[in-house]
N, C-alpha and C. Protein backbone atom coordinates (compact mmCIF):
# COMPACT_ATOMS: atom_id res chain seq x y z
N MET A 1 126.92 -54.36 73.41
CA MET A 1 127.04 -54.90 72.10
C MET A 1 127.54 -56.34 72.21
N GLN A 2 126.74 -57.27 71.73
CA GLN A 2 127.10 -58.69 71.83
C GLN A 2 127.99 -59.09 70.68
N THR A 3 129.08 -59.78 70.99
CA THR A 3 129.97 -60.28 69.95
C THR A 3 129.95 -61.80 69.97
N ALA A 4 130.48 -62.36 68.92
CA ALA A 4 130.49 -63.82 68.78
C ALA A 4 131.43 -64.44 69.80
N PRO A 5 131.12 -65.67 70.23
CA PRO A 5 132.02 -66.36 71.17
C PRO A 5 133.35 -66.70 70.50
N ARG A 6 134.34 -66.90 71.32
CA ARG A 6 135.69 -67.21 70.83
C ARG A 6 135.71 -68.59 70.15
N GLN A 7 136.35 -68.64 68.99
CA GLN A 7 136.52 -69.90 68.26
C GLN A 7 138.00 -70.24 68.24
N LEU A 8 138.30 -71.50 68.20
CA LEU A 8 139.69 -71.91 68.27
C LEU A 8 140.12 -72.68 67.03
N GLY A 9 141.41 -72.58 66.69
CA GLY A 9 142.03 -73.42 65.69
C GLY A 9 141.51 -73.28 64.28
N TYR A 10 141.41 -74.46 63.64
CA TYR A 10 141.01 -74.54 62.23
C TYR A 10 139.67 -73.87 61.97
N GLY A 11 138.70 -74.07 62.86
CA GLY A 11 137.37 -73.49 62.68
C GLY A 11 137.42 -71.97 62.63
N ALA A 12 138.21 -71.36 63.51
CA ALA A 12 138.34 -69.90 63.52
C ALA A 12 138.99 -69.41 62.22
N LEU A 13 140.00 -70.14 61.75
CA LEU A 13 140.66 -69.78 60.49
C LEU A 13 139.67 -69.83 59.33
N MET A 14 138.85 -70.88 59.28
CA MET A 14 137.88 -71.03 58.20
C MET A 14 136.84 -69.89 58.23
N VAL A 15 136.41 -69.52 59.42
CA VAL A 15 135.45 -68.41 59.55
C VAL A 15 136.09 -67.12 59.06
N ASP A 16 137.37 -66.93 59.39
CA ASP A 16 138.07 -65.73 58.91
C ASP A 16 138.18 -65.74 57.38
N VAL A 17 138.45 -66.89 56.80
CA VAL A 17 138.51 -67.01 55.34
C VAL A 17 137.16 -66.67 54.74
N VAL A 18 136.10 -67.17 55.33
CA VAL A 18 134.75 -66.88 54.85
C VAL A 18 134.48 -65.37 54.90
N LEU A 19 134.86 -64.74 55.99
CA LEU A 19 134.67 -63.29 56.12
C LEU A 19 135.44 -62.55 55.03
N VAL A 20 136.70 -62.90 54.82
CA VAL A 20 137.50 -62.22 53.79
C VAL A 20 136.91 -62.44 52.40
N LEU A 21 136.48 -63.66 52.11
CA LEU A 21 135.85 -63.94 50.82
C LEU A 21 134.57 -63.11 50.64
N ASP A 22 133.81 -62.98 51.71
CA ASP A 22 132.57 -62.19 51.63
C ASP A 22 132.91 -60.72 51.39
N VAL A 23 133.91 -60.21 52.08
CA VAL A 23 134.33 -58.81 51.88
C VAL A 23 134.77 -58.60 50.42
N VAL A 24 135.60 -59.48 49.92
CA VAL A 24 136.11 -59.34 48.54
C VAL A 24 134.97 -59.42 47.53
N ALA A 25 134.10 -60.43 47.67
CA ALA A 25 132.98 -60.58 46.73
C ALA A 25 132.03 -59.39 46.82
N SER A 26 131.78 -58.93 48.03
CA SER A 26 130.87 -57.81 48.22
C SER A 26 131.42 -56.54 47.57
N TRP A 27 132.71 -56.27 47.81
CA TRP A 27 133.27 -55.04 47.24
C TRP A 27 133.44 -55.15 45.72
N ALA A 28 133.58 -56.36 45.20
CA ALA A 28 133.55 -56.53 43.75
C ALA A 28 132.18 -56.12 43.23
N MET A 29 131.12 -56.53 43.93
CA MET A 29 129.77 -56.15 43.52
C MET A 29 129.51 -54.66 43.71
N VAL A 30 130.06 -54.07 44.77
CA VAL A 30 129.91 -52.63 44.99
C VAL A 30 130.52 -51.86 43.82
N GLY A 31 131.74 -52.22 43.46
CA GLY A 31 132.39 -51.54 42.33
C GLY A 31 131.61 -51.73 41.04
N LEU A 32 131.16 -52.94 40.82
CA LEU A 32 130.42 -53.24 39.60
C LEU A 32 129.10 -52.49 39.56
N ILE A 33 128.37 -52.48 40.66
CA ILE A 33 127.04 -51.85 40.63
C ILE A 33 127.15 -50.33 40.47
N TRP A 34 128.19 -49.73 41.05
CA TRP A 34 128.37 -48.29 40.84
C TRP A 34 128.78 -47.99 39.40
N PHE A 35 129.60 -48.84 38.79
CA PHE A 35 129.92 -48.67 37.38
C PHE A 35 128.65 -48.77 36.54
N VAL A 36 127.83 -49.76 36.82
CA VAL A 36 126.56 -49.93 36.10
C VAL A 36 125.67 -48.71 36.29
N GLN A 37 125.58 -48.22 37.54
CA GLN A 37 124.68 -47.11 37.85
C GLN A 37 125.14 -45.80 37.21
N ILE A 38 126.43 -45.53 37.23
CA ILE A 38 126.94 -44.23 36.78
C ILE A 38 127.32 -44.23 35.30
N VAL A 39 127.78 -45.37 34.77
CA VAL A 39 128.27 -45.40 33.39
C VAL A 39 127.37 -46.23 32.48
N HIS A 40 127.17 -47.48 32.82
CA HIS A 40 126.57 -48.42 31.88
C HIS A 40 125.07 -48.17 31.64
N TYR A 41 124.27 -48.11 32.68
CA TYR A 41 122.84 -47.90 32.48
C TYR A 41 122.53 -46.54 31.84
N PRO A 42 123.21 -45.45 32.22
CA PRO A 42 122.96 -44.21 31.48
C PRO A 42 123.27 -44.33 29.99
N LEU A 43 124.30 -45.12 29.64
CA LEU A 43 124.58 -45.34 28.21
C LEU A 43 123.47 -46.16 27.55
N LEU A 44 122.94 -47.15 28.28
CA LEU A 44 121.82 -47.91 27.73
C LEU A 44 120.61 -47.03 27.47
N SER A 45 120.48 -45.95 28.25
CA SER A 45 119.32 -45.08 28.06
C SER A 45 119.41 -44.24 26.79
N VAL A 46 120.59 -44.18 26.16
CA VAL A 46 120.71 -43.40 24.92
C VAL A 46 120.92 -44.30 23.70
N VAL A 47 120.84 -45.60 23.89
CA VAL A 47 120.92 -46.52 22.74
C VAL A 47 119.67 -46.33 21.90
N PRO A 48 119.81 -46.15 20.59
CA PRO A 48 118.63 -46.02 19.73
C PRO A 48 117.73 -47.26 19.85
N VAL A 49 116.43 -47.03 19.81
CA VAL A 49 115.46 -48.12 19.98
C VAL A 49 115.72 -49.24 18.98
N GLN A 50 116.10 -48.91 17.74
CA GLN A 50 116.32 -49.94 16.73
C GLN A 50 117.53 -50.83 17.06
N SER A 51 118.45 -50.37 17.91
CA SER A 51 119.62 -51.16 18.31
C SER A 51 119.47 -51.78 19.70
N ALA A 52 118.45 -51.37 20.44
CA ALA A 52 118.32 -51.73 21.86
C ALA A 52 118.23 -53.23 22.08
N SER A 53 117.52 -53.93 21.23
CA SER A 53 117.34 -55.37 21.44
C SER A 53 118.68 -56.10 21.38
N GLY A 54 119.46 -55.85 20.37
CA GLY A 54 120.77 -56.50 20.24
C GLY A 54 121.71 -56.13 21.38
N VAL A 55 121.69 -54.86 21.76
CA VAL A 55 122.54 -54.39 22.86
C VAL A 55 122.11 -55.07 24.15
N ALA A 56 120.82 -55.17 24.39
CA ALA A 56 120.31 -55.78 25.61
C ALA A 56 120.68 -57.27 25.70
N ILE A 57 120.57 -57.97 24.60
CA ILE A 57 120.92 -59.40 24.59
C ILE A 57 122.41 -59.58 24.86
N GLU A 58 123.23 -58.76 24.21
CA GLU A 58 124.68 -58.85 24.42
C GLU A 58 125.05 -58.44 25.85
N HIS A 59 124.36 -57.42 26.37
CA HIS A 59 124.59 -56.99 27.77
C HIS A 59 124.32 -58.14 28.74
N GLN A 60 123.21 -58.82 28.56
CA GLN A 60 122.85 -59.93 29.45
C GLN A 60 123.88 -61.05 29.37
N ARG A 61 124.31 -61.38 28.17
CA ARG A 61 125.28 -62.46 27.98
C ARG A 61 126.61 -62.13 28.66
N ARG A 62 127.10 -60.93 28.41
CA ARG A 62 128.40 -60.55 28.95
C ARG A 62 128.35 -60.31 30.45
N THR A 63 127.29 -59.70 30.92
CA THR A 63 127.17 -59.39 32.35
C THR A 63 127.10 -60.66 33.19
N ALA A 64 126.43 -61.68 32.69
CA ALA A 64 126.33 -62.93 33.43
C ALA A 64 127.71 -63.47 33.80
N TRP A 65 128.65 -63.39 32.88
CA TRP A 65 129.99 -63.90 33.14
C TRP A 65 130.73 -63.06 34.18
N VAL A 66 130.45 -61.78 34.22
CA VAL A 66 131.14 -60.90 35.16
C VAL A 66 130.60 -61.06 36.58
N VAL A 67 129.29 -61.19 36.73
CA VAL A 67 128.68 -61.21 38.07
C VAL A 67 128.53 -62.60 38.66
N MET A 68 128.63 -63.64 37.85
CA MET A 68 128.34 -65.00 38.33
C MET A 68 129.17 -65.38 39.55
N MET A 69 130.47 -65.24 39.50
CA MET A 69 131.33 -65.69 40.59
C MET A 69 131.16 -64.82 41.84
N PRO A 70 131.28 -63.49 41.75
CA PRO A 70 131.14 -62.73 43.00
C PRO A 70 129.76 -62.88 43.65
N MET A 71 128.71 -63.00 42.84
CA MET A 71 127.37 -63.17 43.43
C MET A 71 127.26 -64.54 44.10
N ALA A 72 127.80 -65.57 43.49
CA ALA A 72 127.75 -66.91 44.10
C ALA A 72 128.55 -66.93 45.40
N VAL A 73 129.76 -66.39 45.36
CA VAL A 73 130.59 -66.36 46.57
C VAL A 73 129.90 -65.55 47.65
N GLN A 74 129.37 -64.40 47.29
CA GLN A 74 128.69 -63.56 48.28
C GLN A 74 127.49 -64.27 48.88
N GLY A 75 126.73 -64.96 48.06
CA GLY A 75 125.57 -65.68 48.56
C GLY A 75 125.94 -66.73 49.57
N PHE A 76 126.91 -67.58 49.23
CA PHE A 76 127.33 -68.64 50.14
C PHE A 76 127.99 -68.10 51.41
N THR A 77 128.85 -67.12 51.25
CA THR A 77 129.56 -66.60 52.43
C THR A 77 128.62 -65.81 53.34
N SER A 78 127.66 -65.11 52.76
CA SER A 78 126.68 -64.39 53.60
C SER A 78 125.90 -65.39 54.46
N LEU A 79 125.48 -66.49 53.85
CA LEU A 79 124.75 -67.52 54.60
C LEU A 79 125.64 -68.15 55.66
N ALA A 80 126.89 -68.43 55.32
CA ALA A 80 127.82 -69.04 56.28
C ALA A 80 128.03 -68.13 57.49
N LEU A 81 128.14 -66.83 57.26
CA LEU A 81 128.37 -65.91 58.38
C LEU A 81 127.16 -65.79 59.30
N LEU A 82 125.99 -66.16 58.81
CA LEU A 82 124.82 -66.19 59.69
C LEU A 82 124.96 -67.31 60.72
N ARG A 83 125.62 -68.37 60.32
CA ARG A 83 125.80 -69.53 61.21
C ARG A 83 127.07 -69.42 62.04
N TRP A 84 128.16 -68.97 61.42
CA TRP A 84 129.45 -68.89 62.09
C TRP A 84 129.94 -67.44 62.08
N VAL A 85 129.63 -66.72 63.13
CA VAL A 85 130.02 -65.31 63.23
C VAL A 85 131.48 -65.25 63.69
N PRO A 86 132.31 -64.48 62.99
CA PRO A 86 133.73 -64.40 63.39
C PRO A 86 133.89 -63.80 64.80
N GLN A 87 134.93 -64.23 65.46
CA GLN A 87 135.23 -63.74 66.80
C GLN A 87 135.37 -62.22 66.78
N GLY A 88 134.74 -61.56 67.75
CA GLY A 88 134.84 -60.12 67.89
C GLY A 88 133.85 -59.33 67.06
N VAL A 89 133.08 -60.00 66.21
CA VAL A 89 132.12 -59.32 65.34
C VAL A 89 130.77 -59.23 66.05
N THR A 90 130.18 -58.07 66.04
CA THR A 90 128.87 -57.87 66.62
C THR A 90 127.88 -58.80 65.95
N SER A 91 127.10 -59.50 66.75
CA SER A 91 126.30 -60.62 66.24
C SER A 91 125.24 -60.24 65.21
N TRP A 92 124.74 -59.00 65.24
CA TRP A 92 123.68 -58.63 64.29
C TRP A 92 124.24 -58.18 62.94
N LEU A 93 125.53 -57.89 62.84
CA LEU A 93 126.08 -57.38 61.59
C LEU A 93 125.95 -58.36 60.42
N PRO A 94 126.24 -59.66 60.60
CA PRO A 94 126.05 -60.57 59.47
C PRO A 94 124.59 -60.62 58.99
N TRP A 95 123.66 -60.49 59.93
CA TRP A 95 122.24 -60.50 59.56
C TRP A 95 121.88 -59.24 58.76
N ALA A 96 122.40 -58.11 59.19
CA ALA A 96 122.13 -56.86 58.46
C ALA A 96 122.74 -56.92 57.06
N SER A 97 123.97 -57.43 56.98
CA SER A 97 124.63 -57.56 55.67
C SER A 97 123.86 -58.51 54.76
N ALA A 98 123.46 -59.65 55.31
CA ALA A 98 122.70 -60.62 54.51
C ALA A 98 121.36 -60.04 54.05
N ALA A 99 120.74 -59.22 54.90
CA ALA A 99 119.49 -58.57 54.51
C ALA A 99 119.72 -57.61 53.34
N CYS A 100 120.83 -56.90 53.37
CA CYS A 100 121.15 -56.00 52.26
C CYS A 100 121.37 -56.78 50.97
N VAL A 101 122.08 -57.90 51.07
CA VAL A 101 122.30 -58.75 49.89
C VAL A 101 120.96 -59.27 49.38
N GLY A 102 120.09 -59.66 50.32
CA GLY A 102 118.75 -60.12 49.93
C GLY A 102 117.97 -59.05 49.19
N ILE A 103 118.03 -57.82 49.69
CA ILE A 103 117.35 -56.70 49.02
C ILE A 103 117.91 -56.51 47.62
N ALA A 104 119.23 -56.59 47.49
CA ALA A 104 119.85 -56.43 46.16
C ALA A 104 119.38 -57.52 45.21
N LEU A 105 119.32 -58.75 45.70
CA LEU A 105 118.90 -59.86 44.84
C LEU A 105 117.42 -59.78 44.47
N VAL A 106 116.59 -59.43 45.44
CA VAL A 106 115.16 -59.29 45.16
C VAL A 106 114.93 -58.14 44.18
N SER A 107 115.66 -57.04 44.36
CA SER A 107 115.55 -55.92 43.42
C SER A 107 115.98 -56.33 42.02
N THR A 108 117.02 -57.16 41.94
CA THR A 108 117.48 -57.65 40.64
C THR A 108 116.38 -58.43 39.96
N VAL A 109 115.78 -59.36 40.70
CA VAL A 109 114.76 -60.24 40.11
C VAL A 109 113.48 -59.46 39.78
N LEU A 110 113.05 -58.59 40.68
CA LEU A 110 111.76 -57.92 40.49
C LEU A 110 111.83 -56.64 39.66
N LEU A 111 112.96 -55.95 39.69
CA LEU A 111 113.05 -54.67 38.99
C LEU A 111 113.91 -54.73 37.73
N SER A 112 115.09 -55.28 37.84
CA SER A 112 116.04 -55.21 36.71
C SER A 112 115.79 -56.26 35.64
N VAL A 113 115.62 -57.51 36.05
CA VAL A 113 115.45 -58.57 35.06
C VAL A 113 114.25 -58.31 34.13
N PRO A 114 113.09 -57.91 34.66
CA PRO A 114 111.96 -57.64 33.74
C PRO A 114 112.26 -56.50 32.75
N ARG A 115 112.99 -55.48 33.20
CA ARG A 115 113.30 -54.37 32.29
C ARG A 115 114.32 -54.79 31.23
N HIS A 116 115.27 -55.62 31.63
CA HIS A 116 116.21 -56.13 30.62
C HIS A 116 115.48 -57.01 29.60
N ALA A 117 114.53 -57.79 30.06
CA ALA A 117 113.75 -58.63 29.14
C ALA A 117 112.94 -57.75 28.19
N ARG A 118 112.34 -56.68 28.74
CA ARG A 118 111.60 -55.76 27.87
C ARG A 118 112.51 -55.09 26.86
N MET A 119 113.70 -54.72 27.30
CA MET A 119 114.64 -54.07 26.38
C MET A 119 115.05 -55.04 25.27
N ALA A 120 115.18 -56.31 25.59
CA ALA A 120 115.57 -57.31 24.59
C ALA A 120 114.42 -57.65 23.64
N ASN A 121 113.19 -57.67 24.16
CA ASN A 121 112.05 -58.14 23.37
C ASN A 121 111.15 -57.04 22.82
N GLU A 122 110.97 -55.98 23.59
CA GLU A 122 110.07 -54.88 23.19
C GLU A 122 110.69 -53.54 23.57
N PRO A 123 111.80 -53.17 22.96
CA PRO A 123 112.50 -51.95 23.39
C PRO A 123 111.68 -50.68 23.16
N THR A 124 111.77 -49.79 24.13
CA THR A 124 111.20 -48.44 24.02
C THR A 124 112.26 -47.46 24.50
N ALA A 125 112.04 -46.18 24.23
CA ALA A 125 113.00 -45.15 24.61
C ALA A 125 113.09 -45.01 26.13
N SER A 126 112.08 -45.41 26.88
CA SER A 126 112.06 -45.18 28.33
C SER A 126 112.73 -46.28 29.15
N ILE A 127 112.96 -47.45 28.58
CA ILE A 127 113.47 -48.57 29.38
C ILE A 127 114.85 -48.27 29.96
N GLY A 128 115.74 -47.67 29.20
CA GLY A 128 117.07 -47.33 29.72
C GLY A 128 116.98 -46.41 30.91
N ARG A 129 116.11 -45.40 30.85
CA ARG A 129 115.93 -44.49 32.00
C ARG A 129 115.34 -45.24 33.19
N GLU A 130 114.42 -46.17 32.92
CA GLU A 130 113.85 -46.98 34.00
C GLU A 130 114.93 -47.82 34.68
N LEU A 131 115.86 -48.37 33.90
CA LEU A 131 116.95 -49.15 34.48
C LEU A 131 117.79 -48.30 35.43
N VAL A 132 118.08 -47.07 35.05
CA VAL A 132 118.85 -46.18 35.92
C VAL A 132 118.09 -45.95 37.23
N LEU A 133 116.82 -45.62 37.13
CA LEU A 133 116.03 -45.31 38.34
C LEU A 133 115.82 -46.53 39.22
N THR A 134 115.50 -47.67 38.63
CA THR A 134 115.20 -48.86 39.43
C THR A 134 116.44 -49.59 39.90
N ASN A 135 117.62 -49.15 39.46
CA ASN A 135 118.86 -49.75 39.93
C ASN A 135 119.32 -49.18 41.26
N TRP A 136 118.75 -48.05 41.69
CA TRP A 136 119.17 -47.44 42.94
C TRP A 136 119.00 -48.35 44.15
N PRO A 137 117.90 -49.10 44.30
CA PRO A 137 117.83 -50.01 45.46
C PRO A 137 118.98 -51.02 45.50
N ARG A 138 119.36 -51.55 44.35
CA ARG A 138 120.49 -52.48 44.30
C ARG A 138 121.79 -51.78 44.66
N THR A 139 121.99 -50.61 44.11
CA THR A 139 123.22 -49.85 44.37
C THR A 139 123.36 -49.55 45.85
N ILE A 140 122.29 -49.09 46.46
CA ILE A 140 122.32 -48.75 47.89
C ILE A 140 122.49 -50.02 48.73
N ALA A 141 121.77 -51.08 48.39
CA ALA A 141 121.83 -52.31 49.18
C ALA A 141 123.21 -52.94 49.11
N TRP A 142 123.80 -53.06 47.92
CA TRP A 142 125.13 -53.66 47.81
C TRP A 142 126.18 -52.77 48.48
N SER A 143 126.02 -51.46 48.38
CA SER A 143 126.95 -50.55 49.04
C SER A 143 126.86 -50.70 50.56
N ALA A 144 125.64 -50.79 51.08
CA ALA A 144 125.46 -50.96 52.52
C ALA A 144 126.05 -52.28 53.00
N ALA A 145 125.86 -53.35 52.23
CA ALA A 145 126.45 -54.64 52.57
C ALA A 145 127.97 -54.53 52.62
N GLY A 146 128.54 -53.84 51.66
CA GLY A 146 129.99 -53.65 51.64
C GLY A 146 130.50 -52.91 52.87
N VAL A 147 129.78 -51.86 53.26
CA VAL A 147 130.17 -51.10 54.45
C VAL A 147 130.06 -51.97 55.70
N LEU A 148 128.95 -52.69 55.82
CA LEU A 148 128.76 -53.57 56.98
C LEU A 148 129.85 -54.63 57.06
N LEU A 149 130.22 -55.20 55.92
CA LEU A 149 131.30 -56.19 55.91
C LEU A 149 132.65 -55.58 56.26
N ALA A 150 132.88 -54.34 55.83
CA ALA A 150 134.12 -53.66 56.20
C ALA A 150 134.16 -53.44 57.72
N VAL A 151 133.02 -53.09 58.30
CA VAL A 151 132.94 -52.95 59.76
C VAL A 151 133.24 -54.29 60.44
N MET A 152 132.68 -55.37 59.89
CA MET A 152 132.94 -56.69 60.46
C MET A 152 134.43 -57.03 60.39
N LEU A 153 135.05 -56.74 59.28
CA LEU A 153 136.48 -57.03 59.13
C LEU A 153 137.31 -56.22 60.13
N VAL A 154 136.98 -54.93 60.28
CA VAL A 154 137.68 -54.09 61.25
C VAL A 154 137.49 -54.63 62.67
N GLN A 155 136.26 -55.03 63.00
CA GLN A 155 136.01 -55.62 64.32
C GLN A 155 136.84 -56.88 64.51
N ARG A 156 136.90 -57.71 63.50
CA ARG A 156 137.63 -58.97 63.61
C ARG A 156 139.12 -58.71 63.77
N LEU A 157 139.63 -57.72 63.07
CA LEU A 157 141.06 -57.41 63.15
C LEU A 157 141.42 -56.63 64.42
N GLY A 158 140.39 -55.96 64.97
CA GLY A 158 140.60 -55.10 66.14
C GLY A 158 140.76 -55.85 67.39
């Protein structure tokens, strides 16, 4: 198992900070996505069609404020860890974690965003159920990224 080369001084500290920020942002997204999967999207599936448009618009507005910071931090820190792997961390783990984040983001753009737009513009009774079903790739991907980052943190501390 190949690990990253030893880093010294300020650079090593900064890489450790990046790792901790990535862990925190990732686990914020893990908690959020499981809340969305288990609580929020199932509730959206029972919103009456006549109320769905307003609920969808308000959901998008409020959700943007909640996810903006952890997603931005996770994006930057995931990319940074591809370049600067923390000492003691297996070299492929940042790549696997970044791939999971990529899957979550692609799933968001290709699966979730279009359904939220449909719910806001042309609501039907099935869109809420579709959101629950199509959210599983994001839930699994963000959860896997969180686990991989936890492994990286344990390796770094070990």
